[in-house]
Amino acid sequence: TNYILSSSEYVVIEADEFDRSFHWLRPWISVITATDPDHLD
């Protein structure tokens, strides 16, 4: 599955940069893996 539910205080989220979607998030911790240009449209 692509979804895990528990009573934990943590939630792991894939932060998508397409359409600037990740600007809605308020991370506690974030990893940034790469910033090679994409979605130039």
All heavy atoms as atom14 arrays in JSON, in Angstrom:
{
  "sequence": "TNYILSSSEYVVIEADEFDRSFHWLRPWISVITATDPDHLD",
  "atom14_mask": [
    [1, 1, 1, 1, 1, 1, 1, 0, 0, 0, 0, 0, 0, 0],
    [1, 1, 1, 1, 1, 1, 1, 1, 0, 0, 0, 0, 0, 0],
    [1, 1, 1, 1, 1, 1, 1, 1, 1, 1, 1, 1, 0, 0],
    [1, 1, 1, 1, 1, 1, 1, 1, 0, 0, 0, 0, 0, 0],
    [1, 1, 1, 1, 1, 1, 1, 1, 0, 0, 0, 0, 0, 0],
    [1, 1, 1, 1, 1, 1, 0, 0, 0, 0, 0, 0, 0, 0],
    [1, 1, 1, 1, 1, 1, 0, 0, 0, 0, 0, 0, 0, 0],
    [1, 1, 1, 1, 1, 1, 0, 0, 0, 0, 0, 0, 0, 0],
    [1, 1, 1, 1, 1, 1, 1, 1, 1, 0, 0, 0, 0, 0],
    [1, 1, 1, 1, 1, 1, 1, 1, 1, 1, 1, 1, 0, 0],
    [1, 1, 1, 1, 1, 1, 1, 0, 0, 0, 0, 0, 0, 0],
    [1, 1, 1, 1, 1, 1, 1, 0, 0, 0, 0, 0, 0, 0],
    [1, 1, 1, 1, 1, 1, 1, 1, 0, 0, 0, 0, 0, 0],
    [1, 1, 1, 1, 1, 1, 1, 1, 1, 0, 0, 0, 0, 0],
    [1, 1, 1, 1, 1, 0, 0, 0, 0, 0, 0, 0, 0, 0],
    [1, 1, 1, 1, 1, 1, 1, 1, 0, 0, 0, 0, 0, 0],
    [1, 1, 1, 1, 1, 1, 1, 1, 1, 0, 0, 0, 0, 0],
    [1, 1, 1, 1, 1, 1, 1, 1, 1, 1, 1, 0, 0, 0],
    [1, 1, 1, 1, 1, 1, 1, 1, 0, 0, 0, 0, 0, 0],
    [1, 1, 1, 1, 1, 1, 1, 1, 1, 1, 1, 0, 0, 0],
    [1, 1, 1, 1, 1, 1, 0, 0, 0, 0, 0, 0, 0, 0],
    [1, 1, 1, 1, 1, 1, 1, 1, 1, 1, 1, 0, 0, 0],
    [1, 1, 1, 1, 1, 1, 1, 1, 1, 1, 0, 0, 0, 0],
    [1, 1, 1, 1, 1, 1, 1, 1, 1, 1, 1, 1, 1, 1],
    [1, 1, 1, 1, 1, 1, 1, 1, 0, 0, 0, 0, 0, 0],
    [1, 1, 1, 1, 1, 1, 1, 1, 1, 1, 1, 0, 0, 0],
    [1, 1, 1, 1, 1, 1, 1, 0, 0, 0, 0, 0, 0, 0],
    [1, 1, 1, 1, 1, 1, 1, 1, 1, 1, 1, 1, 1, 1],
    [1, 1, 1, 1, 1, 1, 1, 1, 0, 0, 0, 0, 0, 0],
    [1, 1, 1, 1, 1, 1, 0, 0, 0, 0, 0, 0, 0, 0],
    [1, 1, 1, 1, 1, 1, 1, 0, 0, 0, 0, 0, 0, 0],
    [1, 1, 1, 1, 1, 1, 1, 1, 0, 0, 0, 0, 0, 0],
    [1, 1, 1, 1, 1, 1, 1, 0, 0, 0, 0, 0, 0, 0],
    [1, 1, 1, 1, 1, 0, 0, 0, 0, 0, 0, 0, 0, 0],
    [1, 1, 1, 1, 1, 1, 1, 0, 0, 0, 0, 0, 0, 0],
    [1, 1, 1, 1, 1, 1, 1, 1, 0, 0, 0, 0, 0, 0],
    [1, 1, 1, 1, 1, 1, 1, 0, 0, 0, 0, 0, 0, 0],
    [1, 1, 1, 1, 1, 1, 1, 1, 0, 0, 0, 0, 0, 0],
    [1, 1, 1, 1, 1, 1, 1, 1, 1, 1, 0, 0, 0, 0],
    [1, 1, 1, 1, 1, 1, 1, 1, 0, 0, 0, 0, 0, 0],
    [1, 1, 1, 1, 1, 1, 1, 1, 0, 0, 0, 0, 0, 0]
  ],
  "atom14_positions": [
    [[0.85, -1.19, 0.0], [0.0, 0.0, 0.0], [0.89, 1.24, 0.0], [2.1, 1.15, 0.19], [-0.94, 0.01, 1.22], [-1.81, 1.14, 1.14], [-0.16, 0.09, 2.53], [0.0, 0.0, 0.0], [0.0, 0.0, 0.0], [0.0, 0.0, 0.0], [0.0, 0.0, 0.0], [0.0, 0.0, 0.0], [0.0, 0.0, 0.0], [0.0, 0.0, 0.0]],
    [[0.26, 2.4, -0.23], [0.99, 3.66, -0.19], [0.58, 4.49, 1.03], [0.78, 5.7, 1.07], [0.72, 4.47, -1.47], [-0.76, 4.65, -1.75], [-1.61, 3.94, -1.21], [-1.07, 5.61, -2.59], [0.0, 0.0, 0.0], [0.0, 0.0, 0.0], [0.0, 0.0, 0.0], [0.0, 0.0, 0.0], [0.0, 0.0, 0.0], [0.0, 0.0, 0.0]],
    [[0.02, 3.79, 2.03], [-0.55, 4.5, 3.17], [-0.38, 3.68, 4.44], [-0.63, 2.47, 4.44], [-2.04, 4.77, 2.87], [-2.88, 5.13, 4.05], [-2.62, 6.28, 4.78], [-3.94, 4.32, 4.45], [-3.41, 6.61, 5.86], [-4.72, 4.64, 5.53], [-4.46, 5.8, 6.24], [-5.22, 6.12, 7.31], [0.0, 0.0, 0.0], [0.0, 0.0, 0.0]],
    [[0.06, 4.3, 5.51], [0.2, 3.64, 6.81], [-0.54, 4.49, 7.83], [-0.36, 5.71, 7.89], [1.69, 3.51, 7.23], [2.45, 2.59, 6.27], [1.8, 2.98, 8.67], [3.96, 2.58, 6.51], [0.0, 0.0, 0.0], [0.0, 0.0, 0.0], [0.0, 0.0, 0.0], [0.0, 0.0, 0.0], [0.0, 0.0, 0.0], [0.0, 0.0, 0.0]],
    [[-1.37, 3.87, 8.64], [-2.1, 4.57, 9.7], [-1.7, 4.02, 11.05], [-1.62, 2.81, 11.24], [-3.61, 4.4, 9.51], [-4.5, 5.08, 10.55], [-4.38, 6.59, 10.46], [-5.95, 4.65, 10.39], [0.0, 0.0, 0.0], [0.0, 0.0, 0.0], [0.0, 0.0, 0.0], [0.0, 0.0, 0.0], [0.0, 0.0, 0.0], [0.0, 0.0, 0.0]],
    [[-1.41, 4.9, 11.99], [-1.08, 4.47, 13.35], [-1.47, 5.6, 14.31], [-1.95, 6.65, 13.9], [0.42, 4.17, 13.48], [1.15, 5.38, 13.61], [0.0, 0.0, 0.0], [0.0, 0.0, 0.0], [0.0, 0.0, 0.0], [0.0, 0.0, 0.0], [0.0, 0.0, 0.0], [0.0, 0.0, 0.0], [0.0, 0.0, 0.0], [0.0, 0.0, 0.0]],
    [[-1.22, 5.39, 15.59], [-1.5, 6.42, 16.6], [-0.28, 7.28, 16.88], [-0.27, 8.1, 17.79], [-1.99, 5.75, 17.9], [-1.0, 4.84, 18.37], [0.0, 0.0, 0.0], [0.0, 0.0, 0.0], [0.0, 0.0, 0.0], [0.0, 0.0, 0.0], [0.0, 0.0, 0.0], [0.0, 0.0, 0.0], [0.0, 0.0, 0.0], [0.0, 0.0, 0.0]],
    [[0.78, 7.13, 16.1], [2.02, 7.88, 16.28], [1.8, 9.37, 16.05], [0.89, 9.79, 15.31], [3.09, 7.36, 15.31], [4.22, 8.2, 15.3], [0.0, 0.0, 0.0], [0.0, 0.0, 0.0], [0.0, 0.0, 0.0], [0.0, 0.0, 0.0], [0.0, 0.0, 0.0], [0.0, 0.0, 0.0], [0.0, 0.0, 0.0], [0.0, 0.0, 0.0]],
    [[2.67, 10.19, 16.64], [2.6, 11.64, 16.44], [3.31, 12.07, 15.15], [3.28, 13.25, 14.79], [3.23, 12.38, 17.62], [4.73, 12.14, 17.79], [5.36, 12.98, 18.89], [4.8, 14.03, 19.24], [6.42, 12.56, 19.4], [0.0, 0.0, 0.0], [0.0, 0.0, 0.0], [0.0, 0.0, 0.0], [0.0, 0.0, 0.0], [0.0, 0.0, 0.0]],
    [[3.94, 11.12, 14.44], [4.69, 11.43, 13.23], [3.92, 11.01, 11.97], [3.21, 10.0, 11.98], [6.05, 10.73, 13.23], [6.99, 11.23, 14.31], [7.19, 10.48, 15.47], [7.66, 12.43, 14.17], [8.05, 10.93, 16.46], [8.52, 12.89, 15.16], [8.7, 12.15, 16.3], [9.55, 12.6, 17.28], [0.0, 0.0, 0.0], [0.0, 0.0, 0.0]],
    [[4.08, 11.78, 10.91], [3.53, 11.4, 9.61], [4.6, 11.64, 8.55], [5.14, 12.73, 8.43], [2.23, 12.16, 9.28], [2.42, 13.68, 9.31], [1.66, 11.72, 7.92], [0.0, 0.0, 0.0], [0.0, 0.0, 0.0], [0.0, 0.0, 0.0], [0.0, 0.0, 0.0], [0.0, 0.0, 0.0], [0.0, 0.0, 0.0], [0.0, 0.0, 0.0]],
    [[4.92, 10.58, 7.79], [5.9, 10.68, 6.7], [5.14, 11.04, 5.42], [4.15, 10.39, 5.07], [6.66, 9.35, 6.51], [7.63, 9.46, 5.32], [7.42, 8.99, 7.79], [0.0, 0.0, 0.0], [0.0, 0.0, 0.0], [0.0, 0.0, 0.0], [0.0, 0.0, 0.0], [0.0, 0.0, 0.0], [0.0, 0.0, 0.0], [0.0, 0.0, 0.0]],
    [[5.62, 12.07, 4.74], [4.93, 12.59, 3.54], [5.94, 12.82, 2.43], [7.0, 13.4, 2.66], [4.19, 13.9, 3.86], [3.0, 13.64, 4.78], [3.73, 14.61, 2.59], [2.31, 14.89, 5.28], [0.0, 0.0, 0.0], [0.0, 0.0, 0.0], [0.0, 0.0, 0.0], [0.0, 0.0, 0.0], [0.0, 0.0, 0.0], [0.0, 0.0, 0.0]],
    [[5.59, 12.37, 1.23], [6.38, 12.73, 0.05], [5.96, 14.13, -0.38], [4.79, 14.36, -0.71], [6.14, 11.72, -1.07], [6.95, 12.04, -2.31], [6.84, 10.96, -3.37], [6.76, 9.77, -3.0], [6.86, 11.31, -4.55], [0.0, 0.0, 0.0], [0.0, 0.0, 0.0], [0.0, 0.0, 0.0], [0.0, 0.0, 0.0], [0.0, 0.0, 0.0]],
    [[6.89, 15.07, -0.35], [6.6, 16.48, -0.64], [6.83, 16.76, -2.11], [7.97, 16.79, -2.58], [7.49, 17.37, 0.24], [0.0, 0.0, 0.0], [0.0, 0.0, 0.0], [0.0, 0.0, 0.0], [0.0, 0.0, 0.0], [0.0, 0.0, 0.0], [0.0, 0.0, 0.0], [0.0, 0.0, 0.0], [0.0, 0.0, 0.0], [0.0, 0.0, 0.0]],
    [[5.75, 16.99, -2.85], [5.82, 17.12, -4.3], [5.97, 18.59, -4.7], [5.17, 19.44, -4.32], [4.54, 16.54, -4.91], [4.59, 16.44, -6.42], [5.64, 16.78, -7.0], [3.58, 16.02, -7.0], [0.0, 0.0, 0.0], [0.0, 0.0, 0.0], [0.0, 0.0, 0.0], [0.0, 0.0, 0.0], [0.0, 0.0, 0.0], [0.0, 0.0, 0.0]],
    [[7.0, 18.86, -5.52], [7.24, 20.25, -5.95], [6.4, 20.64, -7.16], [6.32, 21.83, -7.5], [8.73, 20.46, -6.26], [9.23, 19.95, -7.59], [9.55, 18.46, -7.6], [9.24, 17.78, -6.6], [10.12, 17.98, -8.6], [0.0, 0.0, 0.0], [0.0, 0.0, 0.0], [0.0, 0.0, 0.0], [0.0, 0.0, 0.0], [0.0, 0.0, 0.0]],
    [[5.76, 19.67, -7.83], [4.94, 19.99, -9.0], [3.85, 20.98, -8.6], [3.18, 20.82, -7.58], [4.3, 18.73, -9.58], [3.33, 19.0, -10.69], [3.79, 19.4, -11.94], [1.97, 18.88, -10.49], [2.9, 19.67, -12.98], [1.07, 19.13, -11.52], [1.54, 19.54, -12.76], [0.0, 0.0, 0.0], [0.0, 0.0, 0.0], [0.0, 0.0, 0.0]],
    [[3.66, 22.04, -9.37], [2.63, 23.03, -9.1], [2.8, 23.69, -7.72], [1.84, 24.17, -7.13], [1.24, 22.38, -9.21], [0.12, 23.39, -9.39], [0.36, 24.43, -10.03], [-0.98, 23.15, -8.87], [0.0, 0.0, 0.0], [0.0, 0.0, 0.0], [0.0, 0.0, 0.0], [0.0, 0.0, 0.0], [0.0, 0.0, 0.0], [0.0, 0.0, 0.0]],
    [[4.05, 23.65, -7.2], [4.38, 24.23, -5.89], [3.54, 23.62, -4.75], [3.3, 24.27, -3.73], [4.23, 25.76, -5.9], [5.19, 26.45, -6.88], [4.97, 27.94, -6.93], [5.99, 28.61, -7.75], [5.95, 28.72, -9.08], [4.93, 28.18, -9.74], [6.92, 29.33, -9.74], [0.0, 0.0, 0.0], [0.0, 0.0, 0.0], [0.0, 0.0, 0.0]],
    [[3.11, 22.37, -4.94], [2.23, 21.72, -3.95], [2.85, 21.66, -2.57], [2.15, 21.76, -1.55], [1.9, 20.3, -4.42], [1.07, 20.33, -5.56], [0.0, 0.0, 0.0], [0.0, 0.0, 0.0], [0.0, 0.0, 0.0], [0.0, 0.0, 0.0], [0.0, 0.0, 0.0], [0.0, 0.0, 0.0], [0.0, 0.0, 0.0], [0.0, 0.0, 0.0]],
    [[4.19, 21.5, -2.51], [4.82, 21.34, -1.18], [4.79, 22.61, -0.35], [5.12, 22.59, 0.84], [6.22, 20.75, -1.28], [7.25, 21.55, -2.06], [8.6, 21.17, -2.01], [6.93, 22.64, -2.85], [9.57, 21.87, -2.71], [7.9, 23.34, -3.56], [9.21, 22.95, -3.48], [0.0, 0.0, 0.0], [0.0, 0.0, 0.0], [0.0, 0.0, 0.0]],
    [[4.36, 23.73, -0.91], [4.26, 24.97, -0.13], [3.09, 24.94, 0.86], [3.01, 25.81, 1.73], [4.13, 26.17, -1.07], [5.39, 26.48, -1.81], [5.48, 27.47, -2.78], [6.64, 25.94, -1.75], [6.7, 27.51, -3.27], [7.42, 26.59, -2.67], [0.0, 0.0, 0.0], [0.0, 0.0, 0.0], [0.0, 0.0, 0.0], [0.0, 0.0, 0.0]],
    [[2.21, 23.97, 0.72], [1.11, 23.83, 1.69], [1.57, 23.15, 2.98], [0.88, 23.19, 4.0], [-0.03, 23.01, 1.08], [-0.73, 23.71, -0.03], [-0.58, 23.5, -1.38], [-1.72, 24.75, 0.08], [-1.39, 24.33, -2.1], [-2.1, 25.11, -1.24], [-2.3, 25.4, 1.17], [-3.06, 26.09, -1.5], [-3.27, 26.38, 0.91], [-3.63, 26.72, -0.4]],
    [[2.73, 22.48, 2.94], [3.18, 21.69, 4.09], [3.86, 22.55, 5.15], [4.39, 23.62, 4.86], [4.16, 20.6, 3.61], [3.64, 19.66, 2.51], [4.74, 18.72, 2.06], [2.43, 18.87, 3.01], [0.0, 0.0, 0.0], [0.0, 0.0, 0.0], [0.0, 0.0, 0.0], [0.0, 0.0, 0.0], [0.0, 0.0, 0.0], [0.0, 0.0, 0.0]],
    [[3.86, 22.04, 6.38], [4.6, 22.67, 7.48], [5.43, 21.56, 8.15], [5.06, 21.03, 9.18], [3.65, 23.32, 8.49], [2.83, 24.48, 7.95], [3.72, 25.65, 7.51], [2.93, 26.76, 6.97], [2.6, 26.9, 5.7], [2.98, 25.99, 4.8], [1.9, 27.93, 5.29], [0.0, 0.0, 0.0], [0.0, 0.0, 0.0], [0.0, 0.0, 0.0]],
    [[6.56, 21.2, 7.55], [7.32, 20.04, 8.05], [7.91, 20.27, 9.44], [8.24, 21.4, 9.82], [8.46, 19.9, 7.02], [8.02, 20.71, 5.82], [7.17, 21.8, 6.36], [0.0, 0.0, 0.0], [0.0, 0.0, 0.0], [0.0, 0.0, 0.0], [0.0, 0.0, 0.0], [0.0, 0.0, 0.0], [0.0, 0.0, 0.0], [0.0, 0.0, 0.0]],
    [[8.08, 19.17, 10.14], [8.87, 19.17, 11.38], [10.33, 18.89, 11.02], [11.24, 19.58, 11.46], [8.31, 18.13, 12.35], [9.14, 17.91, 13.58], [9.83, 16.79, 13.92], [9.36, 18.85, 14.64], [10.48, 16.96, 15.12], [10.2, 18.22, 15.59], [8.93, 20.16, 14.88], [10.63, 18.86, 16.76], [9.35, 20.79, 16.05], [10.19, 20.15, 16.98]],
    [[10.52, 17.88, 10.2], [11.84, 17.58, 9.64], [11.65, 17.37, 8.14], [10.67, 16.76, 7.71], [12.47, 16.31, 10.26], [12.65, 16.46, 11.77], [13.82, 16.0, 9.61], [13.16, 15.2, 12.46], [0.0, 0.0, 0.0], [0.0, 0.0, 0.0], [0.0, 0.0, 0.0], [0.0, 0.0, 0.0], [0.0, 0.0, 0.0], [0.0, 0.0, 0.0]],
    [[12.57, 17.88, 7.35], [12.5, 17.62, 5.91], [13.86, 17.2, 5.37], [14.9, 17.75, 5.77], [12.03, 18.85, 5.14], [11.92, 18.55, 3.75], [0.0, 0.0, 0.0], [0.0, 0.0, 0.0], [0.0, 0.0, 0.0], [0.0, 0.0, 0.0], [0.0, 0.0, 0.0], [0.0, 0.0, 0.0], [0.0, 0.0, 0.0], [0.0, 0.0, 0.0]],
    [[13.83, 16.25, 4.47], [14.97, 15.9, 3.63], [14.76, 16.56, 2.27], [13.63, 16.59, 1.77], [15.08, 14.37, 3.46], [16.04, 14.01, 2.32], [15.53, 13.7, 4.75], [0.0, 0.0, 0.0], [0.0, 0.0, 0.0], [0.0, 0.0, 0.0], [0.0, 0.0, 0.0], [0.0, 0.0, 0.0], [0.0, 0.0, 0.0], [0.0, 0.0, 0.0]],
    [[15.81, 17.11, 1.68], [15.77, 17.52, 0.28], [16.86, 16.73, -0.44], [18.05, 16.88, -0.15], [15.98, 19.03, 0.1], [14.86, 19.81, 0.79], [16.02, 19.39, -1.39], [14.96, 21.31, 0.67], [0.0, 0.0, 0.0], [0.0, 0.0, 0.0], [0.0, 0.0, 0.0], [0.0, 0.0, 0.0], [0.0, 0.0, 0.0], [0.0, 0.0, 0.0]],
    [[16.43, 15.89, -1.39], [17.34, 14.94, -2.04], [18.06, 15.53, -3.24], [19.19, 15.15, -3.55], [16.57, 13.7, -2.51], [15.59, 14.11, -3.48], [15.87, 13.0, -1.34], [0.0, 0.0, 0.0], [0.0, 0.0, 0.0], [0.0, 0.0, 0.0], [0.0, 0.0, 0.0], [0.0, 0.0, 0.0], [0.0, 0.0, 0.0], [0.0, 0.0, 0.0]],
    [[17.38, 16.42, -3.98], [17.94, 16.94, -5.23], [17.12, 18.14, -5.68], [15.93, 18.24, -5.37], [17.89, 15.87, -6.33], [0.0, 0.0, 0.0], [0.0, 0.0, 0.0], [0.0, 0.0, 0.0], [0.0, 0.0, 0.0], [0.0, 0.0, 0.0], [0.0, 0.0, 0.0], [0.0, 0.0, 0.0], [0.0, 0.0, 0.0], [0.0, 0.0, 0.0]],
    [[17.77, 19.06, -6.4], [17.04, 20.22, -6.94], [17.4, 20.45, -8.4], [17.51, 21.58, -8.86], [17.33, 21.49, -6.11], [18.76, 21.7, -6.05], [16.77, 21.4, -4.71], [0.0, 0.0, 0.0], [0.0, 0.0, 0.0], [0.0, 0.0, 0.0], [0.0, 0.0, 0.0], [0.0, 0.0, 0.0], [0.0, 0.0, 0.0], [0.0, 0.0, 0.0]],
    [[17.59, 19.36, -9.14], [17.85, 19.49, -10.58], [16.56, 19.99, -11.24], [15.49, 19.45, -10.97], [18.23, 18.13, -11.16], [19.41, 17.52, -10.41], [20.48, 18.13, -10.42], [19.22, 16.45, -9.79], [0.0, 0.0, 0.0], [0.0, 0.0, 0.0], [0.0, 0.0, 0.0], [0.0, 0.0, 0.0], [0.0, 0.0, 0.0], [0.0, 0.0, 0.0]],
    [[16.64, 21.0, -12.09], [15.42, 21.62, -12.63], [14.5, 20.61, -13.3], [14.92, 19.75, -14.05], [15.97, 22.62, -13.67], [17.36, 22.9, -13.22], [17.86, 21.64, -12.61], [0.0, 0.0, 0.0], [0.0, 0.0, 0.0], [0.0, 0.0, 0.0], [0.0, 0.0, 0.0], [0.0, 0.0, 0.0], [0.0, 0.0, 0.0], [0.0, 0.0, 0.0]],
    [[13.21, 20.74, -13.0], [12.17, 19.92, -13.62], [10.89, 20.75, -13.63], [10.83, 21.82, -13.03], [11.97, 18.63, -12.82], [11.19, 17.57, -13.59], [10.97, 17.75, -14.8], [10.8, 16.57, -12.98], [0.0, 0.0, 0.0], [0.0, 0.0, 0.0], [0.0, 0.0, 0.0], [0.0, 0.0, 0.0], [0.0, 0.0, 0.0], [0.0, 0.0, 0.0]],
    [[9.87, 20.26, -14.3], [8.58, 20.95, -14.38], [8.75, 22.4, -14.84], [8.13, 23.32, -14.31], [7.88, 20.92, -13.01], [7.68, 19.55, -12.45], [6.96, 18.57, -13.1], [8.14, 18.98, -11.31], [6.96, 17.46, -12.38], [7.67, 17.68, -11.29], [0.0, 0.0, 0.0], [0.0, 0.0, 0.0], [0.0, 0.0, 0.0], [0.0, 0.0, 0.0]],
    [[9.61, 22.58, -15.85], [9.84, 23.94, -16.35], [8.61, 24.48, -17.08], [8.53, 25.7, -17.33], [11.07, 23.98, -17.24], [12.41, 23.66, -16.52], [13.59, 23.84, -17.47], [12.59, 24.52, -15.27], [0.0, 0.0, 0.0], [0.0, 0.0, 0.0], [0.0, 0.0, 0.0], [0.0, 0.0, 0.0], [0.0, 0.0, 0.0], [0.0, 0.0, 0.0]],
    [[7.64, 23.61, -17.41], [6.37, 24.1, -17.94], [5.6, 24.86, -16.87], [4.77, 25.72, -17.16], [5.52, 22.94, -18.46], [5.31, 21.83, -17.43], [6.25, 21.55, -16.66], [4.21, 21.24, -17.4], [0.0, 0.0, 0.0], [0.0, 0.0, 0.0], [0.0, 0.0, 0.0], [0.0, 0.0, 0.0], [0.0, 0.0, 0.0], [0.0, 0.0, 0.0]]
  ]
}
